[in-house]
Amino acid sequence: MSKYEIPFLTVAVRAFGSRFAMTRQAAFRYLHKYGGLSFLIEFYDVEHLQSLDDTIDDLVIICQKNGGILA
Protein backbone atom coordinates (compact mmCIF):
# COMPACT_ATOMS: atom_id res chain seq x y z
CA MET A 1 0.00 0.00 0.00
CA SER A 2 1.45 3.37 -0.97
CA LYS A 3 1.70 6.32 1.37
CA TYR A 4 -1.05 8.02 -0.66
CA GLU A 5 -3.65 5.28 -0.33
CA ILE A 6 -4.33 5.69 3.39
CA PRO A 7 -5.18 9.42 3.14
CA PHE A 8 -7.38 8.64 0.12
CA LEU A 9 -9.21 5.91 2.03
CA THR A 10 -9.67 8.24 5.00
CA VAL A 11 -11.16 10.98 2.84
CA ALA A 12 -13.41 8.53 1.01
CA VAL A 13 -14.76 7.01 4.25
CA ARG A 14 -15.42 10.47 5.73
CA ALA A 15 -17.17 11.66 2.57
CA PHE A 16 -19.26 8.49 2.39
CA GLY A 17 -20.27 8.95 6.01
CA SER A 18 -21.16 12.59 5.42
CA ARG A 19 -23.35 11.77 2.45
CA PHE A 20 -25.35 9.26 4.46
CA ALA A 21 -25.22 11.03 7.86
CA MET A 22 -23.13 8.26 9.39
CA THR A 23 -20.30 8.49 11.87
CA ARG A 24 -16.86 7.69 10.51
CA GLN A 25 -16.89 4.43 12.45
CA ALA A 26 -20.27 3.41 11.06
CA ALA A 27 -19.19 4.32 7.52
CA PHE A 28 -15.99 2.30 7.93
CA ARG A 29 -17.87 -0.74 9.25
CA TYR A 30 -20.44 -0.52 6.44
CA LEU A 31 -17.79 -0.19 3.72
CA HIS A 32 -15.77 -3.03 5.22
CA LYS A 33 -18.81 -5.32 5.51
CA TYR A 34 -20.06 -4.73 1.97
CA GLY A 35 -16.76 -4.68 0.09
CA GLY A 36 -16.33 -0.95 -0.41
CA LEU A 37 -12.91 -0.77 1.25
CA SER A 38 -11.61 -3.73 -0.73
CA PHE A 39 -12.86 -2.05 -3.89
CA LEU A 40 -11.09 1.21 -3.05
CA ILE A 41 -7.83 -0.60 -2.34
CA GLU A 42 -8.01 -2.78 -5.45
CA PHE A 43 -8.95 0.05 -7.79
CA TYR A 44 -7.07 2.90 -6.13
CA ASP A 45 -5.19 3.62 -9.37
CA VAL A 46 -8.48 4.54 -11.08
CA GLU A 47 -10.61 5.78 -8.20
CA HIS A 48 -8.19 8.41 -6.90
CA LEU A 49 -8.29 10.15 -10.29
CA GLN A 50 -12.08 10.61 -10.17
CA SER A 51 -14.03 13.22 -8.27
CA LEU A 52 -14.96 12.32 -4.73
CA ASP A 53 -18.64 12.30 -5.68
CA ASP A 54 -17.95 9.75 -8.43
CA THR A 55 -15.98 7.61 -6.01
CA ILE A 56 -18.85 7.63 -3.51
CA ASP A 57 -21.31 6.77 -6.29
CA ASP A 58 -19.08 3.80 -7.18
CA LEU A 59 -19.00 2.73 -3.53
CA VAL A 60 -22.79 2.80 -3.37
CA ILE A 61 -23.02 0.55 -6.44
CA ILE A 62 -20.42 -1.92 -5.12
CA CYS A 63 -21.98 -2.09 -1.66
CA GLN A 64 -25.47 -2.58 -3.08
CA LYS A 65 -24.20 -5.46 -5.23
CA ASN A 66 -22.81 -7.02 -2.05
CA GLY A 67 -26.02 -6.68 -0.03
CA GLY A 68 -25.81 -3.12 1.29
CA ILE A 69 -29.06 -1.20 1.43
CA LEU A 70 -28.02 2.48 1.53
CA ALA A 71 -29.03 4.61 -1.42
PDB file of N, CA and C in Angstrom:
ATOM      1  N   MET A   1       0.850  -1.166   0.000  1.00  0.00           N
ATOM      2  CA  MET A   1       0.000   0.000   0.000  1.00  0.00           C
ATOM      3  C   MET A   1       0.904   1.239   0.000  1.00  0.00           C
ATOM      4  N   SER A   2       0.621   2.166  -0.882  1.00  0.00           N
ATOM      5  CA  SER A   2       1.451   3.366  -0.974  1.00  0.00           C
ATOM      6  C   SER A   2       1.083   4.358   0.126  1.00  0.00           C
ATOM      7  N   LYS A   3       1.950   5.324   0.339  1.00  0.00           N
ATOM      8  CA  LYS A   3       1.700   6.323   1.373  1.00  0.00           C
ATOM      9  C   LYS A   3       0.524   7.234   1.013  1.00  0.00           C
ATOM     10  N   TYR A   4       0.072   7.187  -0.223  1.00  0.00           N
ATOM     11  CA  TYR A   4      -1.048   8.020  -0.662  1.00  0.00           C
ATOM     12  C   TYR A   4      -2.395   7.326  -0.506  1.00  0.00           C
ATOM     13  N   GLU A   5      -2.390   6.020  -0.400  1.00  0.00           N
ATOM     14  CA  GLU A   5      -3.651   5.281  -0.328  1.00  0.00           C
ATOM     15  C   GLU A   5      -4.390   5.486   0.990  1.00  0.00           C
ATOM     16  N   ILE A   6      -3.673   5.536   2.094  1.00  0.00           N
ATOM     17  CA  ILE A   6      -4.330   5.688   3.390  1.00  0.00           C
ATOM     18  C   ILE A   6      -5.056   7.031   3.491  1.00  0.00           C
ATOM     19  N   PRO A   7      -4.423   8.159   3.115  1.00  0.00           N
ATOM     20  CA  PRO A   7      -5.183   9.418   3.135  1.00  0.00           C
ATOM     21  C   PRO A   7      -6.398   9.388   2.198  1.00  0.00           C
ATOM     22  N   PHE A   8      -6.249   8.754   1.043  1.00  0.00           N
ATOM     23  CA  PHE A   8      -7.376   8.637   0.118  1.00  0.00           C
ATOM     24  C   PHE A   8      -8.508   7.839   0.748  1.00  0.00           C
ATOM     25  N   LEU A   9      -8.192   6.722   1.372  1.00  0.00           N
ATOM     26  CA  LEU A   9      -9.213   5.907   2.032  1.00  0.00           C
ATOM     27  C   LEU A   9      -9.898   6.690   3.151  1.00  0.00           C
ATOM     28  N   THR A  10      -9.118   7.442   3.910  1.00  0.00           N
ATOM     29  CA  THR A  10      -9.671   8.240   5.000  1.00  0.00           C
ATOM     30  C   THR A  10     -10.658   9.268   4.478  1.00  0.00           C
ATOM     31  N   VAL A  11     -10.281   9.967   3.432  1.00  0.00           N
ATOM     32  CA  VAL A  11     -11.160  10.981   2.842  1.00  0.00           C
ATOM     33  C   VAL A  11     -12.418  10.328   2.273  1.00  0.00           C
ATOM     34  N   ALA A  12     -12.260   9.206   1.603  1.00  0.00           N
ATOM     35  CA  ALA A  12     -13.414   8.534   1.008  1.00  0.00           C
ATOM     36  C   ALA A  12     -14.387   8.049   2.081  1.00  0.00           C
ATOM     37  N   VAL A  13     -13.883   7.488   3.165  1.00  0.00           N
ATOM     38  CA  VAL A  13     -14.756   7.012   4.252  1.00  0.00           C
ATOM     39  C   VAL A  13     -15.495   8.190   4.887  1.00  0.00           C
ATOM     40  N   ARG A  14     -14.778   9.281   5.137  1.00  0.00           N
ATOM     41  CA  ARG A  14     -15.421  10.466   5.729  1.00  0.00           C
ATOM     42  C   ARG A  14     -16.501  11.028   4.808  1.00  0.00           C
ATOM     43  N   ALA A  15     -16.200  11.120   3.528  1.00  0.00           N
ATOM     44  CA  ALA A  15     -17.167  11.661   2.567  1.00  0.00           C
ATOM     45  C   ALA A  15     -18.386  10.752   2.452  1.00  0.00           C
ATOM     46  N   PHE A  16     -18.151   9.450   2.438  1.00  0.00           N
ATOM     47  CA  PHE A  16     -19.255   8.493   2.392  1.00  0.00           C
ATOM     48  C   PHE A  16     -20.142   8.669   3.626  1.00  0.00           C
ATOM     49  N   GLY A  17     -19.521   8.754   4.779  1.00  0.00           N
ATOM     50  CA  GLY A  17     -20.271   8.946   6.009  1.00  0.00           C
ATOM     51  C   GLY A  17     -21.057  10.246   6.002  1.00  0.00           C
ATOM     52  N   SER A  18     -20.466  11.305   5.492  1.00  0.00           N
ATOM     53  CA  SER A  18     -21.162  12.591   5.422  1.00  0.00           C
ATOM     54  C   SER A  18     -22.375  12.523   4.513  1.00  0.00           C
ATOM     55  N   ARG A  19     -22.225  11.856   3.379  1.00  0.00           N
ATOM     56  CA  ARG A  19     -23.354  11.771   2.446  1.00  0.00           C
ATOM     57  C   ARG A  19     -24.548  11.057   3.072  1.00  0.00           C
ATOM     58  N   PHE A  20     -24.274  10.065   3.893  1.00  0.00           N
ATOM     59  CA  PHE A  20     -25.353   9.264   4.463  1.00  0.00           C
ATOM     60  C   PHE A  20     -25.569   9.518   5.956  1.00  0.00           C
ATOM     61  N   ALA A  21     -25.052  10.636   6.456  1.00  0.00           N
ATOM     62  CA  ALA A  21     -25.222  11.034   7.856  1.00  0.00           C
ATOM     63  C   ALA A  21     -24.828   9.912   8.818  1.00  0.00           C
ATOM     64  N   MET A  22     -23.656   9.334   8.552  1.00  0.00           N
ATOM     65  CA  MET A  22     -23.132   8.262   9.385  1.00  0.00           C
ATOM     66  C   MET A  22     -21.867   8.764  10.085  1.00  0.00           C
ATOM     67  N   THR A  23     -21.577   8.194  11.238  1.00  0.00           N
ATOM     68  CA  THR A  23     -20.298   8.487  11.870  1.00  0.00           C
ATOM     69  C   THR A  23     -19.195   7.849  11.025  1.00  0.00           C
ATOM     70  N   ARG A  24     -17.978   8.283  11.250  1.00  0.00           N
ATOM     71  CA  ARG A  24     -16.860   7.685  10.513  1.00  0.00           C
ATOM     72  C   ARG A  24     -16.747   6.197  10.805  1.00  0.00           C
ATOM     73  N   GLN A  25     -16.971   5.845  12.075  1.00  0.00           N
ATOM     74  CA  GLN A  25     -16.889   4.432  12.453  1.00  0.00           C
ATOM     75  C   GLN A  25     -17.962   3.607  11.758  1.00  0.00           C
ATOM     76  N   ALA A  26     -19.178   4.135  11.714  1.00  0.00           N
ATOM     77  CA  ALA A  26     -20.271   3.411  11.056  1.00  0.00           C
ATOM     78  C   ALA A  26     -20.011   3.290   9.562  1.00  0.00           C
ATOM     79  N   ALA A  27     -19.502   4.364   8.951  1.00  0.00           N
ATOM     80  CA  ALA A  27     -19.186   4.325   7.520  1.00  0.00           C
ATOM     81  C   ALA A  27     -18.097   3.292   7.249  1.00  0.00           C
ATOM     82  N   PHE A  28     -17.067   3.268   8.090  1.00  0.00           N
ATOM     83  CA  PHE A  28     -15.988   2.295   7.926  1.00  0.00           C
ATOM     84  C   PHE A  28     -16.524   0.873   8.035  1.00  0.00           C
ATOM     85  N   ARG A  29     -17.326   0.612   9.073  1.00  0.00           N
ATOM     86  CA  ARG A  29     -17.869  -0.741   9.249  1.00  0.00           C
ATOM     87  C   ARG A  29     -18.741  -1.155   8.057  1.00  0.00           C
ATOM     88  N   TYR A  30     -19.580  -0.233   7.581  1.00  0.00           N
ATOM     89  CA  TYR A  30     -20.443  -0.522   6.438  1.00  0.00           C
ATOM     90  C   TYR A  30     -19.602  -0.838   5.199  1.00  0.00           C
ATOM     91  N   LEU A  31     -18.627   0.025   4.909  1.00  0.00           N
ATOM     92  CA  LEU A  31     -17.792  -0.189   3.719  1.00  0.00           C
ATOM     93  C   LEU A  31     -16.968  -1.470   3.829  1.00  0.00           C
ATOM     94  N   HIS A  32     -16.528  -1.788   5.027  1.00  0.00           N
ATOM     95  CA  HIS A  32     -15.774  -3.035   5.223  1.00  0.00           C
ATOM     96  C   HIS A  32     -16.692  -4.242   5.011  1.00  0.00           C
ATOM     97  N   LYS A  33     -17.874  -4.190   5.596  1.00  0.00           N
ATOM     98  CA  LYS A  33     -18.815  -5.321   5.514  1.00  0.00           C
ATOM     99  C   LYS A  33     -19.266  -5.601   4.091  1.00  0.00           C
ATOM    100  N   TYR A  34     -19.493  -4.550   3.299  1.00  0.00           N
ATOM    101  CA  TYR A  34     -20.060  -4.725   1.966  1.00  0.00           C
ATOM    102  C   TYR A  34     -19.064  -4.550   0.826  1.00  0.00           C
ATOM    103  N   GLY A  35     -17.779  -4.629   1.130  1.00  0.00           N
ATOM    104  CA  GLY A  35     -16.760  -4.682   0.088  1.00  0.00           C
ATOM    105  C   GLY A  35     -16.283  -3.355  -0.468  1.00  0.00           C
ATOM    106  N   GLY A  36     -16.737  -2.256   0.097  1.00  0.00           N
ATOM    107  CA  GLY A  36     -16.325  -0.951  -0.406  1.00  0.00           C
ATOM    108  C   GLY A  36     -14.853  -0.658  -0.188  1.00  0.00           C
ATOM    109  N   LEU A  37     -14.337  -1.019   0.987  1.00  0.00           N
ATOM    110  CA  LEU A  37     -12.913  -0.770   1.254  1.00  0.00           C
ATOM    111  C   LEU A  37     -12.028  -1.620   0.347  1.00  0.00           C
ATOM    112  N   SER A  38     -12.384  -2.858   0.175  1.00  0.00           N
ATOM    113  CA  SER A  38     -11.608  -3.728  -0.726  1.00  0.00           C
ATOM    114  C   SER A  38     -11.606  -3.168  -2.146  1.00  0.00           C
ATOM    115  N   PHE A  39     -12.753  -2.659  -2.561  1.00  0.00           N
ATOM    116  CA  PHE A  39     -12.861  -2.048  -3.885  1.00  0.00           C
ATOM    117  C   PHE A  39     -11.939  -0.842  -4.009  1.00  0.00           C
ATOM    118  N   LEU A  40     -11.941   0.026  -3.001  1.00  0.00           N
ATOM    119  CA  LEU A  40     -11.085   1.214  -3.050  1.00  0.00           C
ATOM    120  C   LEU A  40      -9.608   0.848  -3.095  1.00  0.00           C
ATOM    121  N   ILE A  41      -9.229  -0.174  -2.352  1.00  0.00           N
ATOM    122  CA  ILE A  41      -7.827  -0.598  -2.343  1.00  0.00           C
ATOM    123  C   ILE A  41      -7.454  -1.220  -3.685  1.00  0.00           C
ATOM    124  N   GLU A  42      -8.305  -2.093  -4.181  1.00  0.00           N
ATOM    125  CA  GLU A  42      -8.008  -2.781  -5.445  1.00  0.00           C
ATOM    126  C   GLU A  42      -7.961  -1.820  -6.632  1.00  0.00           C
ATOM    127  N   PHE A  43      -8.856  -0.855  -6.640  1.00  0.00           N
ATOM    128  CA  PHE A  43      -8.950   0.048  -7.788  1.00  0.00           C
ATOM    129  C   PHE A  43      -8.505   1.473  -7.459  1.00  0.00           C
ATOM    130  N   TYR A  44      -7.595   1.586  -6.520  1.00  0.00           N
ATOM    131  CA  TYR A  44      -7.066   2.899  -6.135  1.00  0.00           C
ATOM    132  C   TYR A  44      -6.529   3.659  -7.339  1.00  0.00           C
ATOM    133  N   ASP A  45      -5.822   2.961  -8.218  1.00  0.00           N
ATOM    134  CA  ASP A  45      -5.190   3.619  -9.371  1.00  0.00           C
ATOM    135  C   ASP A  45      -6.194   4.346 -10.258  1.00  0.00           C
ATOM    136  N   VAL A  46      -7.434   3.889 -10.288  1.00  0.00           N
ATOM    137  CA  VAL A  46      -8.480   4.538 -11.080  1.00  0.00           C
ATOM    138  C   VAL A  46      -9.303   5.487 -10.214  1.00  0.00           C
ATOM    139  N   GLU A  47      -9.693   5.025  -9.048  1.00  0.00           N
ATOM    140  CA  GLU A  47     -10.614   5.782  -8.205  1.00  0.00           C
ATOM    141  C   GLU A  47     -10.034   7.108  -7.717  1.00  0.00           C
ATOM    142  N   HIS A  48      -8.744   7.157  -7.434  1.00  0.00           N
ATOM    143  CA  HIS A  48      -8.194   8.406  -6.896  1.00  0.00           C
ATOM    144  C   HIS A  48      -8.110   9.506  -7.956  1.00  0.00           C
ATOM    145  N   LEU A  49      -8.303   9.152  -9.212  1.00  0.00           N
ATOM    146  CA  LEU A  49      -8.293  10.145 -10.289  1.00  0.00           C
ATOM    147  C   LEU A  49      -9.674  10.748 -10.538  1.00  0.00           C
ATOM    148  N   GLN A  50     -10.707  10.137  -9.987  1.00  0.00           N
ATOM    149  CA  GLN A  50     -12.075  10.614 -10.172  1.00  0.00           C
ATOM    150  C   GLN A  50     -12.426  11.640  -9.102  1.00  0.00           C
ATOM    151  N   SER A  51     -13.546  12.317  -9.311  1.00  0.00           N
ATOM    152  CA  SER A  51     -14.033  13.220  -8.274  1.00  0.00           C
ATOM    153  C   SER A  51     -14.484  12.382  -7.082  1.00  0.00           C
ATOM    154  N   LEU A  52     -14.523  13.016  -5.930  1.00  0.00           N
ATOM    155  CA  LEU A  52     -14.956  12.315  -4.731  1.00  0.00           C
ATOM    156  C   LEU A  52     -16.410  11.872  -4.846  1.00  0.00           C
ATOM    157  N   ASP A  53     -17.239  12.691  -5.476  1.00  0.00           N
ATOM    158  CA  ASP A  53     -18.643  12.302  -5.684  1.00  0.00           C
ATOM    159  C   ASP A  53     -18.753  11.048  -6.545  1.00  0.00           C
ATOM    160  N   ASP A  54     -17.944  10.948  -7.591  1.00  0.00           N
ATOM    161  CA  ASP A  54     -17.953   9.754  -8.432  1.00  0.00           C
ATOM    162  C   ASP A  54     -17.476   8.534  -7.657  1.00  0.00           C
ATOM    163  N   THR A  55     -16.476   8.715  -6.819  1.00  0.00           N
ATOM    164  CA  THR A  55     -15.975   7.609  -6.009  1.00  0.00           C
ATOM    165  C   THR A  55     -17.052   7.116  -5.057  1.00  0.00           C
ATOM    166  N   ILE A  56     -17.771   8.032  -4.423  1.00  0.00           N
ATOM    167  CA  ILE A  56     -18.845   7.635  -3.514  1.00  0.00           C
ATOM    168  C   ILE A  56     -19.961   6.936  -4.277  1.00  0.00           C
ATOM    169  N   ASP A  57     -20.293   7.441  -5.456  1.00  0.00           N
ATOM    170  CA  ASP A  57     -21.306   6.774  -6.285  1.00  0.00           C
ATOM    171  C   ASP A  57     -20.878   5.345  -6.603  1.00  0.00           C
ATOM    172  N   ASP A  58     -19.604   5.150  -6.917  1.00  0.00           N
ATOM    173  CA  ASP A  58     -19.084   3.801  -7.184  1.00  0.00           C
ATOM    174  C   ASP A  58     -19.193   2.920  -5.943  1.00  0.00           C
ATOM    175  N   LEU A  59     -18.892   3.497  -4.778  1.00  0.00           N
ATOM    176  CA  LEU A  59     -19.001   2.726  -3.534  1.00  0.00           C
ATOM    177  C   LEU A  59     -20.433   2.282  -3.285  1.00  0.00           C
ATOM    178  N   VAL A  60     -21.380   3.152  -3.551  1.00  0.00           N
ATOM    179  CA  VAL A  60     -22.792   2.801  -3.366  1.00  0.00           C
ATOM    180  C   VAL A  60     -23.146   1.606  -4.250  1.00  0.00           C
ATOM    181  N   ILE A  61     -22.721   1.644  -5.498  1.00  0.00           N
ATOM    182  CA  ILE A  61     -23.018   0.548  -6.437  1.00  0.00           C
ATOM    183  C   ILE A  61     -22.394  -0.756  -5.954  1.00  0.00           C
ATOM    184  N   ILE A  62     -21.118  -0.711  -5.576  1.00  0.00           N
ATOM    185  CA  ILE A  62     -20.418  -1.919  -5.120  1.00  0.00           C
ATOM    186  C   ILE A  62     -21.082  -2.486  -3.871  1.00  0.00           C
ATOM    187  N   CYS A  63     -21.370  -1.616  -2.910  1.00  0.00           N
ATOM    188  CA  CYS A  63     -21.977  -2.091  -1.662  1.00  0.00           C
ATOM    189  C   CYS A  63     -23.371  -2.658  -1.895  1.00  0.00           C
ATOM    190  N   GLN A  64     -24.144  -2.046  -2.775  1.00  0.00           N
ATOM    191  CA  GLN A  64     -25.474  -2.580  -3.077  1.00  0.00           C
ATOM    192  C   GLN A  64     -25.359  -3.958  -3.720  1.00  0.00           C
ATOM    193  N   LYS A  65     -24.388  -4.143  -4.598  1.00  0.00           N
ATOM    194  CA  LYS A  65     -24.201  -5.456  -5.228  1.00  0.00           C
ATOM    195  C   LYS A  65     -23.819  -6.523  -4.210  1.00  0.00           C
ATOM    196  N   ASN A  66     -23.234  -6.079  -3.092  1.00  0.00           N
ATOM    197  CA  ASN A  66     -22.810  -7.018  -2.054  1.00  0.00           C
ATOM    198  C   ASN A  66     -23.772  -7.068  -0.870  1.00  0.00           C
ATOM    199  N   GLY A  67     -24.998  -6.565  -1.062  1.00  0.00           N
ATOM    200  CA  GLY A  67     -26.021  -6.677  -0.031  1.00  0.00           C
ATOM    201  C   GLY A  67     -26.295  -5.442   0.791  1.00  0.00           C
ATOM    202  N   GLY A  68     -25.561  -4.363   0.560  1.00  0.00           N
ATOM    203  CA  GLY A  68     -25.811  -3.119   1.289  1.00  0.00           C
ATOM    204  C   GLY A  68     -27.129  -2.493   0.852  1.00  0.00           C
ATOM    205  N   ILE A  69     -27.738  -1.728   1.755  1.00  0.00           N
ATOM    206  CA  ILE A  69     -29.063  -1.197   1.432  1.00  0.00           C
ATOM    207  C   ILE A  69     -29.116   0.336   1.389  1.00  0.00           C
ATOM    208  N   LEU A  70     -28.009   1.024   1.610  1.00  0.00           N
ATOM    209  CA  LEU A  70     -28.023   2.481   1.535  1.00  0.00           C
ATOM    210  C   LEU A  70     -28.210   2.938   0.103  1.00  0.00           C
ATOM    211  N   ALA A  71     -28.884   4.044  -0.082  1.00  0.00           N
ATOM    212  CA  ALA A  71     -29.033   4.608  -1.421  1.00  0.00           C
ATOM    213  C   ALA A  71     -29.251   6.091  -1.342  1.00  0.00           C
TER     214      ALA A  71
END
